[in-house]
């Protein structure tokens, strides 16, 4: 009887997680694996799909791809010109819990962390280039210490970047329950220094944005451990 109660309790916990994490649940559920001394290592879901895009800066667009960011930890989101009032992700929480944390520590442990936000029309389509200035101005007006080198606006097909599948679960899903009918617009991707996906969480809930910051710290600890292991003794 006691075993049955324990099993029932575990099943309830799993169902609760399903409700919280939504379409990216399986990726989150198996996102860490045990290591020595109870150290957690984020799962590696493979390289970000090859995609060329452009970064907006002072009215200009610079062609890039993710190979240009190797050596840096990258957070990938979407952004709409209706932000911060109407966004697929919670811009306030991303600003306060992620960007400000990165900005205030950019000369220390977070100097190699950047955010790339793909501009969409709200329905998942690339936003016309001539409308990127609206987003740039919104970030300048609403984000303390906004630095376009730390938080970049990208022009390109974000669907190509979010095109991941693992254990039959896809990040690209359609449905009325998602912002603009596209699930990927609500997600944050965490890419490591080699451009591999290491974590995906929804960005429209404070608790999940906080968790993403914790996973950034886990990834950095992994790099610190590897560096110490490879340093001359």
Protein backbone atom coordinates (compact mmCIF):
# COMPACT_ATOMS: atom_id res chain seq x y z
CA UNK A 1 0.00 0.00 0.00
CA UNK A 2 2.83 2.36 0.89
CA UNK A 3 4.51 1.66 -2.51
CA UNK A 4 1.26 2.46 -4.31
CA UNK A 5 0.98 5.79 -2.48
CA UNK A 6 4.57 6.68 -3.39
CA UNK A 7 3.94 5.77 -7.04
CA UNK A 8 0.80 7.88 -7.10
CA UNK A 9 2.73 10.79 -5.65
CA UNK A 10 5.41 10.52 -8.32
CA UNK A 11 2.80 10.39 -11.08
CA UNK A 12 1.18 13.56 -9.75
CA UNK A 13 4.56 15.29 -9.80
CA UNK A 14 5.12 14.27 -13.42
CA UNK A 15 1.68 15.55 -14.44
CA UNK A 16 2.39 18.84 -12.68
CA UNK A 17 5.62 19.23 -14.63
CA UNK A 18 3.81 18.53 -17.88
CA UNK A 19 1.39 21.35 -17.18
CA UNK A 20 4.18 23.78 -16.33
CA UNK A 21 6.65 23.12 -19.12
CA UNK A 22 4.27 22.52 -22.00
CA UNK A 23 5.70 21.65 -25.46
CA UNK A 24 9.32 21.60 -24.36
CA UNK A 25 8.68 19.28 -21.41
CA UNK A 26 10.73 16.30 -22.52
CA UNK A 27 13.74 18.46 -23.30
CA UNK A 28 13.52 19.99 -19.84
CA UNK A 29 12.77 16.69 -18.11
CA UNK A 30 16.02 15.07 -19.28
CA UNK A 31 18.05 18.25 -19.28
CA UNK A 32 20.61 17.28 -16.65
CA UNK A 33 22.52 14.15 -15.85
CA UNK A 34 24.46 13.20 -12.76
CA UNK A 35 28.22 13.55 -12.56
CA UNK A 36 30.88 13.20 -9.88
CA UNK A 37 30.29 15.04 -6.60
CA UNK A 38 26.61 15.57 -7.55
CA UNK A 39 27.67 18.03 -10.24
CA UNK A 40 25.02 18.49 -12.91
CA UNK A 41 25.87 18.57 -16.61
CA UNK A 42 23.34 19.91 -19.07
CA UNK A 43 22.28 17.51 -21.81
CA UNK A 44 23.67 18.21 -25.29
CA UNK A 45 20.92 18.20 -27.94
CA UNK A 46 23.24 18.88 -30.86
CA UNK A 47 24.22 21.91 -32.94
CA UNK A 48 21.81 24.69 -33.77
CA UNK A 49 20.50 24.22 -37.34
CA UNK A 50 22.56 26.07 -39.92
CA UNK A 51 20.97 29.45 -40.51
CA UNK A 52 22.21 32.74 -41.86
CA UNK A 53 20.68 35.91 -40.47
CA UNK A 54 21.47 39.57 -39.89
CA UNK A 55 22.17 41.57 -36.75
CA UNK A 56 20.74 45.08 -36.49
CA UNK A 57 23.04 47.86 -35.31
CA UNK A 58 22.52 51.61 -35.67
CA UNK A 59 20.36 51.27 -38.75
CA UNK A 60 22.67 48.76 -40.42
CA UNK A 61 22.45 45.00 -40.86
CA UNK A 62 25.44 42.69 -40.53
CA UNK A 63 25.20 39.19 -42.11
CA UNK A 64 26.18 36.45 -39.63
CA UNK A 65 25.57 32.83 -38.72
CA UNK A 66 26.00 31.05 -35.41
CA UNK A 67 29.57 30.06 -36.18
CA UNK A 68 30.41 33.76 -35.68
CA UNK A 69 29.42 33.40 -32.02
CA UNK A 70 31.45 30.32 -31.17
CA UNK A 71 33.21 30.84 -27.88
CA UNK A 72 30.20 32.64 -26.39
CA UNK A 73 27.14 31.36 -24.56
CA UNK A 74 24.04 32.53 -26.43
CA UNK A 75 20.41 32.91 -25.36
CA UNK A 76 17.98 32.93 -28.29
CA UNK A 77 14.47 34.41 -28.08
CA UNK A 78 11.96 36.13 -30.30
CA UNK A 79 10.83 39.74 -29.98
CA UNK A 80 7.94 41.73 -31.47
CA UNK A 81 7.57 45.42 -32.17
CA UNK A 82 4.61 45.46 -29.75
CA UNK A 83 6.97 44.73 -26.85
CA UNK A 84 7.12 45.27 -23.96
CA UNK A 85 3.30 45.43 -23.61
CA UNK A 86 2.47 42.47 -25.87
CA UNK A 87 5.23 39.90 -26.36
CA UNK A 88 5.59 36.18 -26.89
CA UNK A 89 8.02 36.09 -23.94
CA UNK A 90 8.03 38.18 -20.78
CA UNK A 91 10.40 40.95 -21.76
CA UNK A 92 10.38 42.41 -18.25
CA UNK A 93 11.57 39.17 -16.69
CA UNK A 94 14.14 38.54 -19.41
CA UNK A 95 15.40 42.07 -18.86
CA UNK A 96 15.49 41.94 -15.06
CA UNK A 97 16.49 38.31 -14.50
CA UNK A 98 18.77 37.66 -17.48
CA UNK A 99 19.96 40.80 -19.25
CA UNK A 100 20.65 42.89 -16.15
CA UNK A 101 22.47 39.94 -14.58
CA UNK A 102 24.61 39.60 -17.72
CA UNK A 103 25.22 43.36 -18.00
CA UNK A 104 26.28 43.80 -14.39
CA UNK A 105 28.69 40.88 -14.58
CA UNK A 106 29.99 41.33 -18.13
CA UNK A 107 33.52 42.04 -16.90
CA UNK A 108 33.48 39.02 -14.65
CA UNK A 109 31.96 35.56 -15.04
CA UNK A 110 29.31 36.55 -17.61
CA UNK A 111 31.51 38.37 -20.10
CA UNK A 112 30.89 35.68 -22.73
CA UNK A 113 27.07 35.59 -22.53
CA UNK A 114 24.86 37.35 -25.10
CA UNK A 115 21.18 37.46 -26.07
CA UNK A 116 19.94 37.26 -29.68
CA UNK A 117 16.25 38.11 -30.23
CA UNK A 118 14.74 37.33 -33.63
CA UNK A 119 12.20 39.95 -34.69
CA UNK A 120 8.86 38.41 -35.71
CA UNK A 121 5.51 39.86 -36.72
CA UNK A 122 3.81 38.04 -33.84
CA UNK A 123 2.74 35.14 -36.02
CA UNK A 124 6.19 33.67 -36.34
CA UNK A 125 7.18 35.36 -39.60
CA UNK A 126 10.31 37.52 -39.97
CA UNK A 127 9.61 41.19 -39.34
CA UNK A 128 10.40 43.53 -42.25
CA UNK A 129 13.81 45.10 -41.88
CA UNK A 130 12.45 48.64 -41.91
CA UNK A 131 10.52 47.91 -38.70
CA UNK A 132 13.51 46.83 -36.63
CA UNK A 133 14.17 50.42 -35.56
CA UNK A 134 10.89 50.30 -33.59
CA UNK A 135 12.19 47.35 -31.59
CA UNK A 136 15.59 48.96 -31.12
CA UNK A 137 13.97 52.11 -29.76
CA UNK A 138 11.74 50.08 -27.44
CA UNK A 139 14.76 48.35 -25.92
CA UNK A 140 16.57 51.65 -25.53
CA UNK A 141 13.54 53.18 -23.81
CA UNK A 142 12.66 50.30 -21.54
CA UNK A 143 15.89 48.43 -20.74
CA UNK A 144 18.32 49.99 -18.29
CA UNK A 145 21.82 50.17 -19.74
CA UNK A 146 20.77 48.64 -23.04
CA UNK A 147 23.85 47.47 -24.94
CA UNK A 148 23.23 46.17 -28.50
CA UNK A 149 26.42 44.12 -28.26
CA UNK A 150 24.96 42.17 -25.33
CA UNK A 151 21.33 42.04 -26.47
CA UNK A 152 21.14 41.85 -30.25
CA UNK A 153 18.15 42.19 -32.57
CA UNK A 154 18.22 39.66 -35.39
CA UNK A 155 16.52 39.68 -38.77
CA UNK A 156 15.91 36.28 -40.32
CA UNK A 157 13.80 33.14 -40.32
CA UNK A 158 13.71 32.15 -36.64
CA UNK A 159 11.91 28.89 -37.43
CA UNK A 160 15.14 27.54 -38.92
CA UNK A 161 16.94 28.26 -35.65
CA UNK A 162 14.26 26.66 -33.46
CA UNK A 163 13.96 23.55 -35.65
CA UNK A 164 14.96 20.98 -33.01
CA UNK A 165 13.50 17.55 -32.37
CA UNK A 166 14.31 15.14 -29.56
CA UNK A 167 12.58 11.89 -28.63
CA UNK A 168 9.77 12.74 -31.03
CA UNK A 169 9.16 16.15 -29.43
CA UNK A 170 9.43 19.17 -31.72
CA UNK A 171 9.93 22.79 -30.72
CA UNK A 172 8.09 23.93 -33.85
CA UNK A 173 4.42 23.36 -33.06
CA UNK A 174 1.25 25.14 -34.03
CA UNK A 175 -1.82 25.71 -31.89
CA UNK A 176 -4.26 28.31 -30.66
CA UNK A 177 -2.77 27.94 -27.17
CA UNK A 178 0.52 29.47 -28.33
CA UNK A 179 1.31 33.13 -28.91
CA UNK A 180 0.52 33.88 -32.54
CA UNK A 181 -0.22 30.20 -33.07
CA UNK A 182 3.49 29.26 -32.99
CA UNK A 183 5.04 27.55 -29.96
CA UNK A 184 8.64 28.53 -30.72
CA UNK A 185 7.91 32.21 -30.14
CA UNK A 186 7.45 31.51 -26.42
CA UNK A 187 10.76 29.69 -25.95
CA UNK A 188 14.28 30.59 -24.88
CA UNK A 189 17.17 28.52 -26.22
CA UNK A 190 20.47 28.19 -24.37
CA UNK A 191 23.37 27.55 -26.75
CA UNK A 192 26.82 26.63 -25.51
CA UNK A 193 30.16 27.94 -26.81
CA UNK A 194 30.07 25.44 -29.68
CA UNK A 195 26.57 26.43 -30.76
CA UNK A 196 24.91 23.32 -29.31
CA UNK A 197 21.48 23.44 -27.66
CA UNK A 198 21.81 22.74 -23.94
CA UNK A 199 18.46 23.90 -22.55
CA UNK A 200 15.06 25.13 -23.72
CA UNK A 201 12.44 26.72 -21.49
CA UNK A 202 9.38 28.86 -22.01
CA UNK A 203 10.12 32.53 -21.56
CA UNK A 204 6.66 33.74 -20.58
CA UNK A 205 6.82 32.70 -16.92
CA UNK A 206 8.97 34.25 -14.22
CA UNK A 207 9.87 30.93 -12.60
CA UNK A 208 11.12 29.47 -15.86
CA UNK A 209 13.18 32.55 -16.70
CA UNK A 210 14.78 32.27 -13.27
CA UNK A 211 15.50 28.63 -13.98
CA UNK A 212 17.20 29.56 -17.23
CA UNK A 213 19.60 31.77 -15.28
CA UNK A 214 20.40 28.78 -13.08
CA UNK A 215 21.16 26.68 -16.16
CA UNK A 216 23.52 29.36 -17.46
CA UNK A 217 25.38 29.02 -14.16
CA UNK A 218 25.46 25.22 -14.54
CA UNK A 219 26.93 25.53 -18.02
CA UNK A 220 29.58 27.95 -16.77
CA UNK A 221 30.47 25.57 -13.93
CA UNK A 222 30.95 22.83 -16.49
CA UNK A 223 33.38 25.01 -18.42
CA UNK A 224 35.19 25.95 -15.20
CA UNK A 225 35.55 22.29 -14.25
CA UNK A 226 36.86 21.37 -17.71
CA UNK A 227 39.33 24.26 -17.65
CA UNK A 228 40.69 23.22 -14.24
CA UNK A 229 40.95 19.61 -15.35
CA UNK A 230 42.96 20.61 -18.43
CA UNK A 231 45.21 23.18 -16.74
CA UNK A 232 48.83 22.23 -15.97
CA UNK A 233 49.33 20.88 -12.48
